[in-house]
N, C-alpha and C. Protein backbone atom coordinates (compact mmCIF):
# COMPACT_ATOMS: atom_id res chain seq x y z
N UNK A 1 26.34 3.05 21.94
CA UNK A 1 25.36 3.60 21.99
C UNK A 1 25.08 4.46 21.08
N UNK A 2 23.62 4.71 20.88
CA UNK A 2 22.93 5.92 19.79
C UNK A 2 21.89 6.93 20.51
N UNK A 3 22.05 8.05 20.00
CA UNK A 3 21.21 8.76 20.43
C UNK A 3 20.07 9.37 19.11
N UNK A 4 19.03 9.76 19.75
CA UNK A 4 17.79 10.09 18.47
C UNK A 4 17.33 11.54 18.70
N UNK A 5 17.07 12.14 17.86
CA UNK A 5 16.76 13.38 17.94
C UNK A 5 15.18 14.07 17.50
N UNK A 6 14.49 14.29 18.33
CA UNK A 6 13.36 14.97 17.74
C UNK A 6 13.22 16.35 18.27
N UNK A 7 12.81 17.36 17.11
CA UNK A 7 12.52 18.87 17.60
C UNK A 7 11.35 19.74 17.73
N UNK A 8 10.38 20.05 18.60
CA UNK A 8 9.27 20.61 18.38
C UNK A 8 9.56 22.02 18.37
N UNK A 9 9.02 22.65 17.42
CA UNK A 9 8.76 23.96 17.42
C UNK A 9 7.15 24.66 17.72
N UNK A 10 6.68 25.38 18.91
CA UNK A 10 5.77 25.60 19.02
C UNK A 10 5.52 26.87 19.28
N UNK A 11 4.07 27.26 18.31
CA UNK A 11 3.84 28.81 18.80
C UNK A 11 2.50 28.64 19.17
N UNK A 12 1.94 29.96 19.80
CA UNK A 12 0.94 30.25 20.22
C UNK A 12 1.10 29.99 21.61
N UNK A 13 -0.96 30.11 22.00
CA UNK A 13 -0.71 30.00 24.12
C UNK A 13 -1.24 28.21 23.61
N UNK A 14 -1.62 27.77 24.96
CA UNK A 14 -2.09 26.49 25.09
C UNK A 14 -3.38 25.72 24.12
N UNK A 15 -4.06 26.80 24.41
CA UNK A 15 -5.36 26.47 23.78
C UNK A 15 -5.55 26.36 22.17
N UNK A 16 -4.51 27.63 21.95
CA UNK A 16 -4.77 27.74 19.96
C UNK A 16 -3.55 27.75 19.07
N UNK A 17 -2.38 27.26 20.40
CA UNK A 17 -1.35 27.05 19.45
C UNK A 17 -1.41 25.66 19.03
N UNK A 18 -0.17 25.61 18.66
CA UNK A 18 0.12 24.22 17.87
C UNK A 18 1.60 23.96 17.79
N UNK A 19 2.13 22.86 17.85
CA UNK A 19 3.68 22.83 17.48
C UNK A 19 3.91 21.63 16.37
N UNK A 20 5.02 22.04 15.54
CA UNK A 20 5.61 20.90 14.51
C UNK A 20 6.72 20.29 15.08
N UNK A 21 6.03 18.90 15.46
CA UNK A 21 7.65 18.19 15.66
C UNK A 21 8.16 17.37 14.60
N UNK A 22 9.31 17.12 14.47
CA UNK A 22 10.43 16.76 13.38
C UNK A 22 11.54 15.62 14.00
N UNK A 23 10.85 14.80 13.35
CA UNK A 23 11.89 13.61 13.99
C UNK A 23 13.29 13.96 13.05
N UNK A 24 14.41 14.23 13.78
CA UNK A 24 15.35 14.77 13.00
C UNK A 24 16.37 13.71 13.07
N UNK A 25 16.96 13.02 13.62
CA UNK A 25 17.86 11.64 13.14
C UNK A 25 17.51 11.08 11.95
N UNK A 26 16.17 10.66 11.78
CA UNK A 26 15.82 9.89 10.54
C UNK A 26 15.11 10.62 9.37
N UNK A 27 14.57 11.84 9.79
CA UNK A 27 13.81 13.00 8.94
C UNK A 27 12.40 11.95 8.46
N UNK A 28 12.40 10.90 9.31
CA UNK A 28 11.06 9.79 8.59
C UNK A 28 9.71 10.67 8.63
N UNK A 29 9.73 11.81 9.35
CA UNK A 29 7.99 12.10 9.36
C UNK A 29 8.15 13.46 10.43
N UNK A 30 7.14 14.23 10.25
CA UNK A 30 6.88 15.77 10.68
C UNK A 30 5.45 15.50 10.94
N UNK A 31 5.24 15.93 11.90
CA UNK A 31 3.83 15.75 12.76
C UNK A 31 3.36 17.31 13.43
N UNK A 32 2.33 17.53 13.35
CA UNK A 32 1.32 18.53 13.89
C UNK A 32 1.15 18.47 15.27
N UNK A 33 1.21 19.19 16.26
CA UNK A 33 0.60 18.67 17.47
C UNK A 33 -0.27 19.85 18.38
N UNK A 34 -1.38 19.68 18.97
CA UNK A 34 -1.89 20.55 19.53
C UNK A 34 -2.29 20.11 20.95
N UNK A 35 -2.99 21.00 21.76
CA UNK A 35 -3.73 20.68 23.04
C UNK A 35 -4.80 20.12 22.66
N UNK A 36 -5.77 21.06 22.12
CA UNK A 36 -7.05 19.68 21.72
C UNK A 36 -6.69 18.76 20.85
N UNK A 37 -6.07 18.16 20.04
CA UNK A 37 -5.95 17.15 19.67
C UNK A 37 -5.32 15.91 20.61
N UNK A 38 -4.65 16.67 21.76
CA UNK A 38 -4.09 15.50 22.76
C UNK A 38 -5.41 15.64 23.46
N UNK A 39 -6.42 16.35 23.95
CA UNK A 39 -7.44 16.13 24.97
C UNK A 39 -8.93 15.98 24.54
N UNK A 40 -8.95 16.06 23.51
CA UNK A 40 -9.94 16.19 22.56
C UNK A 40 -9.90 15.20 21.28
N UNK A 41 -10.40 15.58 20.33
CA UNK A 41 -10.70 14.94 19.05
C UNK A 41 -9.65 15.06 18.23
N UNK A 42 -8.54 14.23 17.41
CA UNK A 42 -6.99 14.00 17.15
C UNK A 42 -7.76 15.08 15.47
N UNK A 43 -8.46 15.41 14.97
CA UNK A 43 -8.45 16.21 13.95
C UNK A 43 -7.59 16.28 12.85
N UNK A 44 -6.69 15.25 12.79
CA UNK A 44 -5.73 15.17 11.55
C UNK A 44 -4.12 15.34 12.66
N UNK A 45 -4.45 15.78 13.37
CA UNK A 45 -3.19 16.21 14.53
C UNK A 45 -2.58 14.95 15.28
N UNK A 46 -1.54 14.83 15.89
CA UNK A 46 -1.43 13.91 16.72
C UNK A 46 -0.54 14.63 17.91
N UNK A 47 -0.58 13.69 18.84
CA UNK A 47 0.08 13.86 20.25
C UNK A 47 1.03 13.21 20.69
N UNK A 48 1.27 13.94 22.10
CA UNK A 48 2.72 13.32 22.65
C UNK A 48 2.49 11.67 23.12
N UNK A 49 0.94 11.43 23.53
CA UNK A 49 0.42 10.18 23.55
C UNK A 49 0.50 9.35 22.41
N UNK A 50 0.27 9.51 21.48
CA UNK A 50 -0.01 8.87 20.47
C UNK A 50 1.34 8.56 19.82
N UNK A 51 2.36 9.30 19.92
CA UNK A 51 3.44 9.13 19.75
C UNK A 51 4.39 8.01 20.56
N UNK A 52 3.85 8.35 21.79
CA UNK A 52 4.36 6.89 22.92
C UNK A 52 3.54 5.53 22.33
N UNK A 53 2.77 5.93 22.56
CA UNK A 53 2.05 4.84 21.92
C UNK A 53 2.87 3.70 20.64
N UNK A 54 3.04 4.66 19.87
CA UNK A 54 3.55 4.46 18.78
C UNK A 54 5.10 3.62 19.10
N UNK A 55 5.92 4.64 19.70
CA UNK A 55 7.15 3.80 20.16
C UNK A 55 6.93 2.65 20.81
N UNK A 56 5.81 2.53 21.52
CA UNK A 56 5.71 1.25 22.62
C UNK A 56 5.20 0.33 21.83
N UNK A 57 4.17 0.15 21.17
CA UNK A 57 3.93 -0.68 20.53
C UNK A 57 5.28 -1.38 19.57
N UNK A 58 6.15 -0.80 18.95
CA UNK A 58 7.42 -1.06 18.25
C UNK A 58 8.24 -1.56 18.84
N UNK A 59 8.50 -0.97 20.23
CA UNK A 59 9.87 -1.42 21.07
C UNK A 59 9.00 -2.84 21.50
N UNK A 60 7.99 -2.65 22.13
CA UNK A 60 7.37 -4.10 22.40
C UNK A 60 7.46 -5.54 21.71
N UNK A 61 7.46 -5.03 20.29
CA UNK A 61 6.96 -6.39 18.96
C UNK A 61 8.49 -6.52 19.24
N UNK A 62 9.35 -5.83 19.20
CA UNK A 62 11.03 -6.09 18.75
C UNK A 62 11.71 -7.02 19.71
N UNK A 63 11.09 -6.30 21.03
CA UNK A 63 11.73 -7.14 22.18
C UNK A 63 10.80 -8.32 22.27
N UNK A 64 9.85 -8.98 22.19
CA UNK A 64 9.06 -10.17 22.33
C UNK A 64 9.86 -11.04 20.69
N UNK A 65 9.98 -10.26 19.74
CA UNK A 65 10.27 -11.10 18.75
C UNK A 65 11.96 -11.73 19.02
N UNK A 66 12.36 -10.79 19.89
CA UNK A 66 13.69 -11.06 19.80
C UNK A 66 13.87 -12.28 20.70
N UNK A 67 12.90 -12.02 22.13
CA UNK A 67 12.88 -13.15 22.98
C UNK A 67 12.05 -14.64 22.26
N UNK A 68 11.47 -14.33 21.36
CA UNK A 68 11.12 -15.65 20.92
C UNK A 68 12.23 -16.60 20.06
N UNK A 69 12.87 -15.46 19.36
CA UNK A 69 14.34 -16.16 18.52
C UNK A 69 15.04 -16.90 19.52
N UNK A 70 15.50 -15.86 20.52
CA UNK A 70 16.42 -16.50 21.71
C UNK A 70 15.83 -18.25 22.27
N UNK A 71 14.19 -17.90 22.17
CA UNK A 71 13.92 -19.52 22.44
C UNK A 71 13.94 -20.53 21.70
N UNK A 72 14.35 -20.11 20.22
CA UNK A 72 14.02 -20.89 19.10
C UNK A 72 12.85 -21.15 18.35
N UNK A 73 12.19 -20.09 18.56
CA UNK A 73 10.94 -19.80 18.19
C UNK A 73 10.68 -18.73 17.24
N UNK A 74 11.47 -18.33 16.25
CA UNK A 74 11.00 -17.11 15.90
C UNK A 74 9.38 -16.31 15.30
N UNK A 75 8.78 -15.60 15.12
CA UNK A 75 7.40 -15.39 14.83
C UNK A 75 7.80 -15.23 13.49
N UNK A 76 6.04 -15.76 12.85
CA UNK A 76 6.19 -15.46 11.74
C UNK A 76 5.49 -14.08 11.16
N UNK A 77 5.00 -13.65 12.58
CA UNK A 77 4.21 -12.01 12.83
C UNK A 77 4.41 -11.99 14.38
N UNK A 78 3.84 -10.55 14.56
CA UNK A 78 3.43 -10.19 15.51
C UNK A 78 2.71 -8.47 15.55
N UNK A 79 1.91 -8.86 15.88
CA UNK A 79 1.07 -7.29 15.78
C UNK A 79 0.62 -6.60 17.51
N UNK A 80 0.88 -5.87 17.70
CA UNK A 80 0.68 -5.04 19.02
C UNK A 80 0.21 -3.49 18.73
N UNK A 81 -0.51 -3.54 19.60
CA UNK A 81 -1.83 -2.27 19.37
C UNK A 81 -1.46 -1.76 21.04
N UNK A 82 -1.06 -0.45 21.12
CA UNK A 82 -1.30 0.51 22.14
C UNK A 82 -1.94 1.58 22.60
N UNK A 83 -2.31 1.15 23.38
CA UNK A 83 -3.67 2.50 24.13
C UNK A 83 -3.04 3.25 24.85
N UNK A 84 -2.84 4.61 24.67
CA UNK A 84 -2.06 5.50 26.07
C UNK A 84 -3.31 6.38 26.58
N UNK A 85 -3.68 5.79 27.88
CA UNK A 85 -4.77 7.03 28.03
C UNK A 85 -4.29 8.42 28.64
N UNK A 86 -4.57 9.35 28.29
CA UNK A 86 -4.35 10.71 28.77
C UNK A 86 -5.74 11.30 29.16
N UNK A 87 -5.59 12.03 30.64
CA UNK A 87 -6.79 12.88 30.83
C UNK A 87 -6.34 13.45 32.07
N UNK A 88 -7.39 14.30 32.70
CA UNK A 88 -7.17 14.98 34.14
C UNK A 88 -6.67 14.45 35.26
N UNK A 89 -5.56 14.83 35.97
CA UNK A 89 -5.22 14.22 37.10
C UNK A 89 -4.97 15.37 38.07
N UNK A 90 -5.66 15.49 39.20
CA UNK A 90 -4.95 16.68 40.47
C UNK A 90 -5.38 17.81 39.35
N UNK A 91 -4.39 18.63 39.62
CA UNK A 91 -4.25 20.31 39.16
C UNK A 91 -4.56 20.12 37.52
N UNK A 92 -3.41 19.03 37.02
CA UNK A 92 -3.10 18.88 35.02
C UNK A 92 -3.86 17.69 34.87
N UNK A 93 -2.56 17.23 33.55
CA UNK A 93 -3.09 16.28 32.92
C UNK A 93 -2.41 15.08 33.43
N UNK A 94 -2.29 13.96 32.83
CA UNK A 94 -1.70 12.76 32.86
C UNK A 94 -1.55 11.78 32.26
N UNK A 95 -0.64 10.84 31.89
CA UNK A 95 -0.97 9.55 31.07
C UNK A 95 -1.31 8.23 32.65
N UNK A 96 -2.61 8.22 32.27
CA UNK A 96 -3.32 7.48 33.48
C UNK A 96 -3.07 5.85 33.44
N UNK A 97 -2.64 5.36 31.90
CA UNK A 97 -2.18 4.02 31.83
C UNK A 97 -2.15 3.52 30.57
N UNK A 98 -1.31 2.52 30.31
CA UNK A 98 -1.43 2.30 28.65
C UNK A 98 -1.51 0.48 28.79
N UNK A 99 -2.21 0.62 27.73
CA UNK A 99 -2.72 -1.25 27.46
C UNK A 99 -1.94 -1.69 26.32
N UNK A 100 -1.37 -2.88 26.27
CA UNK A 100 -0.90 -3.45 25.07
C UNK A 100 -1.36 -4.54 24.94
N UNK A 101 -1.77 -5.13 23.78
CA UNK A 101 -2.68 -6.16 23.03
C UNK A 101 -1.95 -6.60 21.98
N UNK A 102 -1.25 -7.51 22.44
CA UNK A 102 -0.55 -8.27 21.06
C UNK A 102 -1.11 -9.68 20.73
N UNK A 103 -0.78 -9.86 19.45
CA UNK A 103 -1.54 -11.13 18.74
C UNK A 103 -0.12 -11.68 18.09
N UNK A 104 0.54 -13.04 18.22
CA UNK A 104 1.52 -13.20 17.64
C UNK A 104 0.96 -14.69 16.73
N UNK A 105 1.96 -14.87 15.74
CA UNK A 105 1.80 -16.59 14.83
C UNK A 105 3.39 -16.90 15.09
N UNK A 106 3.36 -18.04 15.89
CA UNK A 106 4.75 -18.46 16.13
C UNK A 106 4.24 -19.73 15.99
N UNK A 107 4.79 -20.55 14.95
CA UNK A 107 4.48 -22.01 15.01
C UNK A 107 5.60 -22.64 15.96
N UNK A 108 4.99 -23.89 16.50
CA UNK A 108 5.67 -24.73 17.06
C UNK A 108 5.76 -24.24 18.76
N UNK A 109 5.08 -22.97 19.30
CA UNK A 109 4.94 -22.69 20.29
C UNK A 109 3.45 -22.65 21.12
N UNK A 110 4.00 -23.29 22.62
CA UNK A 110 2.75 -23.43 23.31
C UNK A 110 2.43 -22.22 24.00
N UNK A 111 0.98 -22.22 24.15
CA UNK A 111 0.36 -20.54 24.58
C UNK A 111 0.99 -20.48 26.19
N UNK A 112 1.59 -21.09 26.97
CA UNK A 112 2.19 -21.13 28.24
C UNK A 112 3.11 -20.14 28.11
N UNK A 113 4.39 -20.88 27.07
CA UNK A 113 5.55 -20.31 26.99
C UNK A 113 5.59 -19.10 26.23
N UNK A 114 4.43 -18.73 25.60
CA UNK A 114 4.33 -17.74 24.92
C UNK A 114 3.94 -16.57 25.73
N UNK A 115 2.76 -16.95 26.58
CA UNK A 115 2.47 -15.84 27.95
C UNK A 115 3.96 -15.82 28.63
N UNK A 116 4.52 -16.71 28.98
CA UNK A 116 5.48 -16.06 29.79
C UNK A 116 6.64 -15.34 28.98
N UNK A 117 7.11 -15.32 27.67
CA UNK A 117 7.79 -14.84 26.95
C UNK A 117 6.93 -13.29 26.99
N UNK A 118 5.78 -12.92 26.42
CA UNK A 118 5.04 -11.88 26.13
C UNK A 118 5.37 -11.01 27.66
N UNK A 119 5.22 -11.80 28.76
CA UNK A 119 5.44 -10.53 29.72
C UNK A 119 6.63 -10.28 30.27
N UNK A 120 7.69 -11.08 30.16
CA UNK A 120 9.17 -10.80 30.20
C UNK A 120 9.42 -9.80 28.91
N UNK A 121 8.74 -9.84 28.42
CA UNK A 121 8.94 -8.58 26.77
C UNK A 121 8.40 -7.47 27.86
N UNK A 122 7.57 -7.53 28.05
CA UNK A 122 6.49 -6.31 28.74
C UNK A 122 7.79 -5.67 29.97
N UNK A 123 8.15 -6.47 30.51
CA UNK A 123 8.79 -6.04 31.88
C UNK A 123 9.92 -5.58 31.28
N UNK A 124 10.67 -6.05 30.20
CA UNK A 124 12.20 -5.34 29.84
C UNK A 124 12.43 -4.93 28.36
N UNK A 125 11.28 -4.47 28.18
CA UNK A 125 11.10 -3.42 26.85
C UNK A 125 11.41 -2.21 27.50
N UNK A 126 12.70 -1.39 26.81
CA UNK A 126 13.20 -0.27 26.80
C UNK A 126 12.02 0.89 27.02
N UNK A 127 11.22 1.09 26.18
CA UNK A 127 9.81 1.85 26.61
C UNK A 127 9.41 1.76 27.83
N UNK A 128 8.79 0.58 28.33
CA UNK A 128 8.17 -0.24 28.96
C UNK A 128 8.83 0.48 30.61
N UNK A 129 10.25 0.41 30.44
CA UNK A 129 11.58 0.84 31.40
C UNK A 129 11.02 2.14 31.83
N UNK A 130 11.20 3.01 30.71
CA UNK A 130 11.32 4.33 30.44
C UNK A 130 9.90 4.97 31.04
N UNK A 131 8.94 4.15 30.74
CA UNK A 131 7.91 4.97 31.48
C UNK A 131 7.29 3.81 32.90
N UNK A 132 7.97 3.74 33.73
CA UNK A 132 7.95 3.17 35.18
C UNK A 132 7.36 4.19 36.21
N UNK A 133 6.47 3.90 36.76
CA UNK A 133 5.46 4.65 37.32
C UNK A 133 4.08 4.67 36.54
N UNK A 134 3.89 4.30 35.50
CA UNK A 134 2.58 4.17 34.72
C UNK A 134 1.99 2.59 34.81
N UNK A 135 1.35 2.61 35.41
CA UNK A 135 0.56 1.21 35.00
C UNK A 135 0.47 0.75 33.45
N UNK A 136 0.87 -0.43 33.56
CA UNK A 136 1.13 -1.08 32.09
C UNK A 136 0.55 -2.24 32.15
N UNK A 137 -0.97 -2.16 31.30
CA UNK A 137 -1.48 -3.81 30.86
C UNK A 137 -1.26 -4.77 29.77
N UNK A 138 -1.00 -5.96 29.71
CA UNK A 138 -0.83 -6.59 28.72
C UNK A 138 -2.03 -7.36 28.39
N UNK A 139 -2.48 -7.70 26.88
CA UNK A 139 -3.23 -9.27 26.59
C UNK A 139 -2.75 -9.27 25.34
N UNK A 140 -1.69 -10.59 25.81
CA UNK A 140 -0.89 -11.47 24.95
C UNK A 140 -1.40 -12.67 24.22
N UNK A 141 -1.64 -13.13 23.15
CA UNK A 141 -2.22 -14.56 22.45
C UNK A 141 -1.66 -14.81 21.18
N UNK A 142 -1.15 -16.04 21.35
CA UNK A 142 -1.24 -16.66 19.87
C UNK A 142 -2.33 -16.60 18.78
N UNK A 143 -1.84 -16.35 17.60
CA UNK A 143 -3.18 -16.30 16.71
C UNK A 143 -3.29 -17.71 16.64
């Protein structure tokens, strides 16, 4: 079992404040977050939803790569884009959906088998599983 840690230090109110997010385990990055960057334009800052999109696209690509390898058809490349939609819901805000788009180069694999494996990857990807209750769509095709 592995644990990963990130820390956010927030200062100020929701409208004008900001947070500093640090990826503690790897030390790979620090990000500034703010509510305006979340609900409006990014302006050089990130948001929890963008970080979820990054995590989901990475996790999904790894899961699909593993399934393709297990099938005996390892990929040359996989490119996955995740779009996390955030907006008002009820009295607050919510993640309204996630759209995954993936394109892969997989020598010797037919389109039907690829679609089956791509769909399975969406279902069993740990990030997808963590986001149960959120509508996740998939557009998958071979290059």
